[in-house]
Amino acid sequence: MNTEKLLKIAINAAKQAGSYLRNLDERVVIKDLDKDVKLKADLESEKIIFNYLLKTDFSILSEESPKIEKKSEFCWIVDPLDGTVNFLRRIPFNSISIALYKGNKPILGVVYDFNRDELFTGIVGNGAKLNNKEIMVSPNRYKRDSIIMAGSNSDMVYEGKTLSEFIRRFKDFKKNRILGSAALSICYVAAGRGEVFVEEGVKFWDVAAGLAILQSAGGKFNLTKLKKGFLVHASNGNLVL
């Protein structure tokens, strides 16, 4: 399998969709949910990405559409707009996320921050890059020197044990950040901008590409299946926890 060629396909798809989103003036809400929104932009971005990925022989799992099954052990995992509420409110922290997996094993990932034109890429076993320059995880070993990033997804219960556990995670770290895009937050760990990302209840497409890039950059992750989504713990792999 030519992973470089497949990475190029994912990059072209992400950049084309990113150009569309970056130049979009109108944010049309299709559905306003209790703790989330669905935008027309999500669907249009997905269409652009599918124009590239459907030319391959792999299945596609995407946030906005039913899974496209092909007779292949490989599957593209797509989030056409991660950080949708940020995008709606014009908070410039969103991304396009495309990964290729073989079963539950990451092969490659692309996360494109179209606001800053920052392209994070990684091929597992062959390194990770930011705008074609190599990146690696931070060498920090101690929480007192480290930044933890977290997410609060739409299914989170803000009470009791769940809330206390959410707060407890921050206690010993130098700083904490909640940024609004799981994919980009994990890439920040991959690039040494932070040391840990944790979120409970994420969907696979939220984190798949970021985790591929993190592993390519020398980091580590755990995914635990929950009743709703996954608990993800992504880190530089060096922290004494």
Foldseek 3Di string as FASTA:
>chain_A
DPVVVVQVLQVVLFQVLLVVLVPDDDWAWPADDPQDTDTPSQVVSVVSSCVRVVVDQAWEDEDPDPTRDGPDQKYKQWRSKFQSVCSVVVNQDIWTKIFMARNLHTAKIWIASSVVRWIWIFGQVAAIDTVPHGAAAAQDAEQQAFEEEEEDDPPQDCDDPSVVVVVVVNPRHNYYYYRRQQLVVLVCRRRHVGFKYWYAQDACSSHRRSQRNSNRRQWDKDWADDPHHTIIIIGSNRYDD
